Amino acid sequence: MGSEQPQESRSSDDDRRRSGSPGSDPDARRTPEGEDVELGTNDGGDSSGAPGAESPVSINELFALLAQPGNRYALAYMTRVEGAVPYDDLVEYVVDTGGTPDGLSTADFRNQVATRLVHSNLPKLDDAGLVDYDPDDRTVRPTAATEVAAPYLELAMDQFSAE
């Protein structure tokens, strides 16, 4: 029948499930040699984002976070700074970089961005370990994992700026 897979495919799928290989773990990656690579915590080692680099965030979670423009802009800013930055500086960067949409004043857009960052973007980035957000001090600080996102972020920003 048309919906049946060849025996060879079913067999390899079953073997993968039994061995716990990437077919059963969406956060695992395969090297060109077919070896599985899991992302763990960053211990100060290679933070290039290359296979073998470690991060507290899974590739799937990173791509889901980068799908949101506010997260991309916030991370782009955080890859360019050292130490804690005032939250207001981040808001201004996002407003300036994103551009005010038609039909909104800059002040209204700034308020929307600030609200979204405080209630959604920064808590999610903080939970993923990509930034250290302190709502009491109203500061954001890059973490070791911020640099792990840089190559993926650069690719995402290049694509969206070309549109």
Protein backbone atom coordinates (compact mmCIF):
# COMPACT_ATOMS: atom_id res chain seq x y z
CA MET A 1 0.00 0.00 0.00
CA GLY A 2 1.09 3.61 -0.56
CA SER A 3 1.31 4.48 3.15
CA GLU A 4 3.63 1.66 4.09
CA GLN A 5 7.33 2.38 4.52
CA PRO A 6 9.92 -0.05 3.22
CA GLN A 7 11.03 -2.64 5.76
CA GLU A 8 14.51 -1.08 5.85
CA SER A 9 13.15 2.28 7.14
CA ARG A 10 10.94 0.68 9.79
CA SER A 11 13.81 -1.42 11.02
CA SER A 12 16.18 1.55 11.39
CA ASP A 13 13.45 3.58 13.16
CA ASP A 14 12.91 0.73 15.61
CA ASP A 15 16.65 0.38 16.16
CA ARG A 16 16.94 4.12 16.87
CA ARG A 17 14.15 4.01 19.42
CA ARG A 18 15.76 1.06 21.20
CA SER A 19 19.21 2.63 21.27
CA GLY A 20 17.99 6.09 22.35
CA SER A 21 19.49 7.82 19.35
CA PRO A 22 18.35 11.13 17.81
CA GLY A 23 15.12 9.73 16.44
CA SER A 24 13.88 9.54 20.01
CA ASP A 25 15.43 12.80 21.25
CA PRO A 26 14.64 15.96 19.28
CA ASP A 27 17.33 17.90 21.19
CA ALA A 28 20.17 15.65 20.06
CA ARG A 29 22.26 16.41 17.00
CA ARG A 30 24.27 14.13 14.73
CA THR A 31 27.83 14.80 13.73
CA PRO A 32 28.84 14.14 10.11
CA GLU A 33 30.17 10.80 11.35
CA GLY A 34 26.70 9.91 12.66
CA GLU A 35 27.55 10.32 16.35
CA ASP A 36 24.99 11.89 18.65
CA VAL A 37 25.78 15.22 20.34
CA GLU A 38 23.69 16.57 23.24
CA LEU A 39 23.90 20.14 24.37
CA GLY A 40 24.68 20.43 28.07
CA THR A 41 25.79 23.31 30.27
CA ASN A 42 28.47 25.73 29.32
CA ASP A 43 31.59 25.17 31.38
CA GLY A 44 33.60 27.99 29.85
CA GLY A 45 34.80 25.84 26.98
CA ASP A 46 34.19 26.48 23.31
CA SER A 47 31.26 28.86 22.96
CA SER A 48 31.27 29.05 19.20
CA GLY A 49 27.99 27.22 18.71
CA ALA A 50 29.81 24.55 16.72
CA PRO A 51 29.09 20.86 17.29
CA GLY A 52 30.55 19.97 20.63
CA ALA A 53 30.01 23.46 22.07
CA GLU A 54 27.85 23.29 25.13
CA SER A 55 24.86 25.40 26.08
CA PRO A 56 22.10 25.25 28.69
CA VAL A 57 19.54 25.64 25.91
CA SER A 58 18.59 22.95 23.40
CA ILE A 59 18.85 23.69 19.70
CA ASN A 60 15.06 23.37 19.36
CA GLU A 61 14.47 25.84 22.20
CA LEU A 62 17.07 28.23 20.78
CA PHE A 63 15.42 28.24 17.37
CA ALA A 64 11.98 28.73 18.95
CA LEU A 65 13.36 31.72 20.89
CA LEU A 66 15.05 33.17 17.79
CA ALA A 67 11.74 32.95 15.91
CA GLN A 68 10.52 35.93 17.96
CA PRO A 69 11.84 39.31 16.70
CA GLY A 70 12.07 40.78 20.21
CA ASN A 71 14.28 37.90 21.32
CA ARG A 72 16.53 38.32 18.28
CA TYR A 73 16.95 42.04 18.89
CA ALA A 74 17.55 41.56 22.62
CA LEU A 75 20.15 38.84 22.04
CA ALA A 76 21.83 40.85 19.26
CA TYR A 77 22.24 43.73 21.70
CA MET A 78 23.47 41.45 24.48
CA THR A 79 26.18 39.93 22.26
CA ARG A 80 27.65 43.44 21.85
CA VAL A 81 27.83 44.48 25.51
CA GLU A 82 29.84 43.48 28.55
CA GLY A 83 28.33 43.42 32.00
CA ALA A 84 24.91 44.55 33.10
CA VAL A 85 23.04 47.09 30.99
CA PRO A 86 20.02 49.16 32.01
CA TYR A 87 16.80 47.65 30.78
CA ASP A 88 15.82 51.02 29.27
CA ASP A 89 18.88 50.89 26.97
CA LEU A 90 17.72 47.52 25.66
CA VAL A 91 14.21 48.86 25.04
CA GLU A 92 15.63 51.80 23.06
CA TYR A 93 17.81 49.46 20.99
CA VAL A 94 14.83 47.22 20.12
CA VAL A 95 12.67 50.24 19.21
CA ASP A 96 15.42 51.80 17.07
CA THR A 97 16.41 48.55 15.36
CA GLY A 98 12.91 47.22 14.79
CA GLY A 99 11.50 50.48 13.52
CA THR A 100 8.13 51.84 14.54
CA PRO A 101 5.31 50.11 12.65
CA ASP A 102 2.91 52.19 10.59
CA GLY A 103 -0.04 53.43 12.59
CA LEU A 104 1.81 53.61 15.91
CA SER A 105 3.59 56.51 17.51
CA THR A 106 7.13 55.87 18.69
CA ALA A 107 5.97 56.31 22.29
CA ASP A 108 3.19 53.72 21.86
CA PHE A 109 5.60 51.31 20.17
CA ARG A 110 8.17 51.84 22.95
CA ASN A 111 5.49 50.99 25.54
CA GLN A 112 4.53 47.83 23.64
CA VAL A 113 8.17 46.76 23.35
CA ALA A 114 8.82 47.45 27.04
CA THR A 115 5.77 45.46 28.09
CA ARG A 116 6.64 42.53 25.83
CA LEU A 117 10.25 42.47 26.99
CA VAL A 118 9.36 42.58 30.69
CA HIS A 119 6.54 40.05 30.61
CA SER A 120 7.63 37.67 27.86
CA ASN A 121 10.97 38.00 26.07
CA LEU A 122 13.40 38.59 28.94
CA PRO A 123 11.89 36.01 31.32
CA LYS A 124 12.06 33.37 28.55
CA LEU A 125 15.64 34.28 27.64
CA ASP A 126 16.54 34.24 31.34
CA ASP A 127 14.88 30.83 31.85
CA ALA A 128 16.87 29.47 28.90
CA GLY A 129 20.10 30.81 30.44
CA LEU A 130 20.81 33.12 27.50
CA VAL A 131 20.68 36.30 29.60
CA ASP A 132 20.55 37.17 33.27
CA TYR A 133 17.55 39.44 33.77
CA ASP A 134 17.12 41.20 37.11
CA PRO A 135 13.65 42.80 37.21
CA ASP A 136 14.36 44.41 40.60
CA ASP A 137 17.47 46.24 39.37
CA ARG A 138 15.99 46.61 35.85
CA THR A 139 19.19 45.27 34.31
CA VAL A 140 20.08 42.61 31.77
CA ARG A 141 23.44 40.88 31.64
CA PRO A 142 24.84 38.53 28.99
CA THR A 143 25.80 35.04 30.16
CA ALA A 144 28.37 32.59 28.84
CA ALA A 145 25.56 31.02 26.82
CA THR A 146 24.75 34.31 25.06
CA GLU A 147 27.74 33.77 22.78
CA VAL A 148 26.59 30.23 21.96
CA ALA A 149 23.55 31.78 20.28
CA ALA A 150 25.65 34.26 18.25
CA PRO A 151 26.19 32.19 15.06
CA TYR A 152 22.51 31.24 14.87
CA LEU A 153 21.48 34.79 15.71
CA GLU A 154 23.72 36.21 13.01
CA LEU A 155 22.13 33.92 10.44
CA ALA A 156 18.61 34.85 11.60
CA MET A 157 19.35 38.60 11.63
CA ASP A 158 20.91 38.44 8.14
CA GLN A 159 17.85 36.68 6.76
CA PHE A 160 15.34 39.03 8.34
CA SER A 161 17.23 42.19 7.42
CA ALA A 162 17.22 41.04 3.76
CA GLU A 163 13.41 40.82 3.72
